């Protein structure tokens, strides 16, 4: 007789597979964390409460990636486009990117 897995058991198996995929190799873990930080930062920069003037998603993603990789490139005027919260997000991304490299 075949054993059928419950929904909970399937979820646990999926979580275990994802855990192995991300944490099995250190390089993959670092890259995943880096990408996650960039996307969270870009999302926070895209929120209206961090902008003083409208900024597109692609510009927010570019600024977050540039801050995370500590290159300093920008397609917009950061000081005029983001308020104090947005600038703190950028500083946090610089700190995360600087400590990872």
N, C-alpha and C. Protein backbone atom coordinates (compact mmCIF):
# COMPACT_ATOMS: atom_id res chain seq x y z
N UNK A 1 0.83 -1.17 0.00
CA UNK A 1 0.00 0.00 0.00
C UNK A 1 0.89 1.25 0.00
N UNK A 2 0.55 2.21 -0.86
CA UNK A 2 1.33 3.43 -0.96
C UNK A 2 0.97 4.38 0.17
N UNK A 3 1.99 5.04 0.67
CA UNK A 3 1.78 6.03 1.73
C UNK A 3 1.58 7.39 1.07
N UNK A 4 0.48 8.03 1.35
CA UNK A 4 0.21 9.35 0.81
C UNK A 4 0.65 10.40 1.82
N UNK A 5 1.33 11.41 1.33
CA UNK A 5 1.82 12.48 2.19
C UNK A 5 0.72 13.49 2.46
N UNK A 6 0.70 13.98 3.67
CA UNK A 6 -0.26 15.03 4.00
C UNK A 6 0.26 16.36 3.49
N UNK A 7 -0.60 17.36 3.53
CA UNK A 7 -0.21 18.70 3.08
C UNK A 7 0.93 19.23 3.94
N UNK A 8 0.87 18.98 5.21
CA UNK A 8 1.92 19.45 6.13
C UNK A 8 3.25 18.78 5.81
N UNK A 9 3.23 17.50 5.53
CA UNK A 9 4.46 16.78 5.19
C UNK A 9 5.05 17.29 3.86
N UNK A 10 4.18 17.61 2.91
CA UNK A 10 4.65 18.16 1.64
C UNK A 10 5.31 19.52 1.83
N UNK A 11 4.70 20.35 2.67
CA UNK A 11 5.27 21.66 2.95
C UNK A 11 6.63 21.52 3.62
N UNK A 12 6.74 20.61 4.56
CA UNK A 12 8.02 20.39 5.25
C UNK A 12 9.08 19.92 4.26
N UNK A 13 8.70 19.02 3.35
CA UNK A 13 9.66 18.54 2.34
C UNK A 13 10.11 19.67 1.42
N UNK A 14 9.18 20.55 1.04
CA UNK A 14 9.54 21.69 0.20
C UNK A 14 10.48 22.64 0.93
N UNK A 15 10.20 22.91 2.19
CA UNK A 15 11.05 23.78 2.99
C UNK A 15 12.44 23.17 3.15
N UNK A 16 12.50 21.86 3.39
CA UNK A 16 13.79 21.19 3.51
C UNK A 16 14.57 21.25 2.20
N UNK A 17 13.88 21.10 1.07
CA UNK A 17 14.56 21.18 -0.23
C UNK A 17 15.09 22.58 -0.48
N UNK A 18 14.30 23.60 -0.14
CA UNK A 18 14.74 24.98 -0.29
C UNK A 18 15.91 25.28 0.64
N UNK A 19 15.85 24.76 1.84
CA UNK A 19 16.93 24.94 2.80
C UNK A 19 18.23 24.33 2.27
N UNK A 20 18.14 23.12 1.73
CA UNK A 20 19.33 22.47 1.17
C UNK A 20 19.86 23.24 -0.03
N UNK A 21 18.94 23.74 -0.86
CA UNK A 21 19.35 24.48 -2.05
C UNK A 21 20.13 25.73 -1.70
N UNK A 22 19.68 26.45 -0.68
CA UNK A 22 20.31 27.72 -0.32
C UNK A 22 21.53 27.52 0.57
N UNK A 23 21.44 26.67 1.56
CA UNK A 23 22.49 26.57 2.58
C UNK A 23 23.51 25.47 2.33
N UNK A 24 23.35 24.70 1.26
CA UNK A 24 24.27 23.59 1.02
C UNK A 24 25.68 24.07 0.69
N UNK A 25 25.77 25.15 -0.07
CA UNK A 25 27.07 25.68 -0.47
C UNK A 25 27.20 27.12 0.01
N UNK A 26 28.32 27.48 0.62
CA UNK A 26 28.49 28.83 1.16
C UNK A 26 28.36 29.93 0.11
N UNK A 27 28.87 29.72 -1.08
CA UNK A 27 28.79 30.73 -2.12
C UNK A 27 27.33 31.01 -2.50
N UNK A 28 26.54 29.96 -2.57
CA UNK A 28 25.12 30.12 -2.90
C UNK A 28 24.39 30.87 -1.78
N UNK A 29 24.78 30.61 -0.54
CA UNK A 29 24.18 31.28 0.60
C UNK A 29 24.49 32.78 0.56
N UNK A 30 25.74 33.13 0.27
CA UNK A 30 26.13 34.54 0.21
C UNK A 30 25.41 35.24 -0.94
N UNK A 31 25.35 34.61 -2.10
CA UNK A 31 24.68 35.21 -3.25
C UNK A 31 23.19 35.40 -3.01
N UNK A 32 22.56 34.43 -2.36
CA UNK A 32 21.14 34.54 -2.05
C UNK A 32 20.87 35.68 -1.08
N UNK A 33 21.70 35.78 -0.06
CA UNK A 33 21.55 36.87 0.90
C UNK A 33 21.78 38.22 0.26
N UNK A 34 22.74 38.29 -0.63
CA UNK A 34 23.04 39.53 -1.34
C UNK A 34 21.86 39.96 -2.21
N UNK A 35 21.31 39.03 -2.98
CA UNK A 35 20.15 39.33 -3.82
C UNK A 35 18.93 39.70 -2.98
N UNK A 36 18.74 39.02 -1.89
CA UNK A 36 17.61 39.32 -1.01
C UNK A 36 17.74 40.73 -0.44
N UNK A 37 18.93 41.11 -0.02
CA UNK A 37 19.14 42.46 0.51
C UNK A 37 18.88 43.52 -0.55
N UNK A 38 19.31 43.27 -1.79
CA UNK A 38 19.09 44.23 -2.86
C UNK A 38 17.61 44.38 -3.17
N UNK A 39 16.87 43.28 -3.24
CA UNK A 39 15.45 43.37 -3.55
C UNK A 39 14.64 43.99 -2.41
N UNK A 40 15.01 43.70 -1.18
CA UNK A 40 14.33 44.34 -0.05
C UNK A 40 14.63 45.83 -0.05
N UNK A 41 15.89 46.19 -0.30
CA UNK A 41 16.25 47.61 -0.36
C UNK A 41 15.55 48.33 -1.48
N UNK A 42 15.48 47.71 -2.66
CA UNK A 42 14.79 48.34 -3.80
C UNK A 42 13.31 48.52 -3.51
N UNK A 43 12.71 47.54 -2.86
CA UNK A 43 11.29 47.65 -2.51
C UNK A 43 11.07 48.78 -1.51
N UNK A 44 11.94 48.89 -0.51
CA UNK A 44 11.82 49.98 0.45
C UNK A 44 12.03 51.34 -0.21
N UNK A 45 12.95 51.42 -1.15
CA UNK A 45 13.17 52.68 -1.86
C UNK A 45 12.00 53.03 -2.77
N UNK A 46 11.30 52.05 -3.26
CA UNK A 46 10.16 52.28 -4.15
C UNK A 46 8.91 52.74 -3.41
N UNK A 47 8.86 52.50 -2.12
CA UNK A 47 7.68 52.90 -1.34
C UNK A 47 7.56 54.43 -1.30
N UNK A 48 6.33 54.93 -1.35
CA UNK A 48 6.13 56.39 -1.36
C UNK A 48 6.67 57.10 -0.11
N UNK A 49 6.73 56.41 1.03
CA UNK A 49 7.20 57.07 2.24
C UNK A 49 8.71 57.26 2.27
N UNK A 50 9.44 56.77 1.27
CA UNK A 50 10.88 56.99 1.24
C UNK A 50 11.29 57.92 0.09
N UNK A 51 10.33 58.44 -0.65
CA UNK A 51 10.62 59.30 -1.80
C UNK A 51 10.10 60.71 -1.58
N UNK A 52 10.82 61.69 -2.12
CA UNK A 52 10.33 63.06 -2.13
C UNK A 52 9.74 63.41 -3.49
N UNK A 53 10.14 62.68 -4.52
CA UNK A 53 9.56 62.80 -5.85
C UNK A 53 9.47 61.40 -6.45
N UNK A 54 8.56 61.17 -7.38
CA UNK A 54 8.37 59.82 -7.91
C UNK A 54 9.64 59.26 -8.58
N UNK A 55 9.97 58.02 -8.22
CA UNK A 55 11.13 57.32 -8.78
C UNK A 55 10.62 55.98 -9.30
N UNK A 56 11.05 55.60 -10.49
CA UNK A 56 10.58 54.34 -11.08
C UNK A 56 11.21 53.14 -10.36
N UNK A 57 10.58 51.98 -10.56
CA UNK A 57 11.07 50.74 -9.93
C UNK A 57 12.46 50.40 -10.41
N UNK A 58 12.72 50.56 -11.71
CA UNK A 58 14.03 50.19 -12.25
C UNK A 58 15.12 51.10 -11.70
N UNK A 59 14.80 52.38 -11.48
CA UNK A 59 15.79 53.28 -10.87
C UNK A 59 16.06 52.89 -9.41
N UNK A 60 15.00 52.52 -8.69
CA UNK A 60 15.19 52.07 -7.30
C UNK A 60 16.03 50.80 -7.26
N UNK A 61 15.77 49.88 -8.19
CA UNK A 61 16.55 48.64 -8.25
C UNK A 61 18.01 48.94 -8.59
N UNK A 62 18.24 49.87 -9.51
CA UNK A 62 19.60 50.23 -9.88
C UNK A 62 20.34 50.87 -8.71
N UNK A 63 19.68 51.80 -8.01
CA UNK A 63 20.31 52.46 -6.87
C UNK A 63 20.61 51.45 -5.77
N UNK A 64 19.68 50.53 -5.50
CA UNK A 64 19.90 49.52 -4.47
C UNK A 64 21.04 48.59 -4.85
N UNK A 65 21.11 48.19 -6.12
CA UNK A 65 22.20 47.33 -6.56
C UNK A 65 23.53 48.06 -6.50
N UNK A 66 23.52 49.31 -6.90
CA UNK A 66 24.75 50.11 -6.85
C UNK A 66 25.22 50.32 -5.41
N UNK A 67 24.28 50.54 -4.51
CA UNK A 67 24.65 50.70 -3.10
C UNK A 67 25.13 49.38 -2.51
N UNK A 68 24.48 48.29 -2.87
CA UNK A 68 24.87 46.98 -2.35
C UNK A 68 26.23 46.53 -2.85
N UNK A 69 26.58 46.92 -4.07
CA UNK A 69 27.88 46.55 -4.61
C UNK A 69 28.93 47.63 -4.35
N UNK A 70 28.54 48.69 -3.70
CA UNK A 70 29.41 49.79 -3.29
C UNK A 70 30.14 50.40 -4.50
N UNK A 71 29.40 50.61 -5.60
CA UNK A 71 30.00 51.25 -6.77
C UNK A 71 29.75 52.75 -6.78
N UNK A 72 28.64 53.19 -6.20
CA UNK A 72 28.35 54.61 -6.14
C UNK A 72 27.70 55.18 -7.38
N UNK A 73 27.25 54.34 -8.28
CA UNK A 73 26.59 54.83 -9.49
C UNK A 73 25.12 55.12 -9.21
N UNK A 74 24.56 56.08 -9.95
CA UNK A 74 23.15 56.39 -9.78
C UNK A 74 22.62 57.02 -11.05
N UNK A 75 21.38 56.71 -11.38
CA UNK A 75 20.75 57.29 -12.56
C UNK A 75 19.90 58.49 -12.19
N UNK A 76 19.76 58.75 -10.90
CA UNK A 76 18.94 59.86 -10.42
C UNK A 76 19.73 60.64 -9.37
N UNK A 77 19.22 61.82 -9.01
CA UNK A 77 19.81 62.60 -7.93
C UNK A 77 19.27 62.03 -6.62
N UNK A 78 20.11 61.30 -5.91
CA UNK A 78 19.68 60.59 -4.70
C UNK A 78 19.23 61.57 -3.62
N UNK A 79 19.96 62.66 -3.45
CA UNK A 79 19.63 63.63 -2.41
C UNK A 79 18.30 64.32 -2.64
N UNK A 80 17.93 64.52 -3.89
CA UNK A 80 16.67 65.19 -4.20
C UNK A 80 15.51 64.21 -4.34
N UNK A 81 15.80 62.94 -4.59
CA UNK A 81 14.73 61.97 -4.85
C UNK A 81 14.25 61.24 -3.61
N UNK A 82 15.13 61.08 -2.61
CA UNK A 82 14.77 60.31 -1.43
C UNK A 82 14.84 61.19 -0.18
N UNK A 83 13.97 60.89 0.77
CA UNK A 83 14.00 61.59 2.05
C UNK A 83 14.98 60.89 2.99
N UNK A 84 14.92 61.24 4.27
CA UNK A 84 15.87 60.69 5.24
C UNK A 84 15.76 59.16 5.33
N UNK A 85 14.54 58.63 5.31
CA UNK A 85 14.37 57.18 5.38
C UNK A 85 15.01 56.49 4.18
N UNK A 86 14.77 57.02 2.98
CA UNK A 86 15.36 56.43 1.77
C UNK A 86 16.87 56.49 1.79
N UNK A 87 17.41 57.58 2.30
CA UNK A 87 18.86 57.68 2.39
C UNK A 87 19.43 56.71 3.42
N UNK A 88 18.70 56.47 4.50
CA UNK A 88 19.14 55.48 5.49
C UNK A 88 19.10 54.07 4.92
N UNK A 89 18.13 53.78 4.07
CA UNK A 89 18.09 52.48 3.39
C UNK A 89 19.32 52.32 2.51
N UNK A 90 19.68 53.37 1.79
CA UNK A 90 20.87 53.33 0.93
C UNK A 90 22.13 53.12 1.78
N UNK A 91 22.23 53.83 2.89
CA UNK A 91 23.39 53.67 3.78
C UNK A 91 23.46 52.24 4.32
N UNK A 92 22.31 51.68 4.68
CA UNK A 92 22.28 50.30 5.18
C UNK A 92 22.74 49.32 4.09
N UNK A 93 22.33 49.56 2.85
CA UNK A 93 22.77 48.70 1.76
C UNK A 93 24.27 48.82 1.52
N UNK A 94 24.80 50.03 1.67
CA UNK A 94 26.24 50.21 1.54
C UNK A 94 26.97 49.44 2.64
N UNK A 95 26.44 49.49 3.86
CA UNK A 95 27.05 48.76 4.96
C UNK A 95 27.01 47.24 4.73
N UNK A 96 25.87 46.75 4.27
CA UNK A 96 25.74 45.31 4.02
C UNK A 96 26.68 44.89 2.89
N UNK A 97 26.71 45.68 1.82
CA UNK A 97 27.59 45.34 0.70
C UNK A 97 29.05 45.46 1.04
N UNK A 98 29.40 46.44 1.87
CA UNK A 98 30.79 46.62 2.25
C UNK A 98 31.29 45.53 3.17
N UNK A 99 30.42 45.03 4.02
CA UNK A 99 30.84 43.98 4.94
C UNK A 99 30.91 42.62 4.24
N UNK A 100 30.16 42.45 3.14
CA UNK A 100 30.17 41.17 2.44
C UNK A 100 31.37 41.04 1.51
N UNK A 101 31.92 42.16 1.09
CA UNK A 101 33.04 42.07 0.13
C UNK A 101 34.38 42.14 0.78
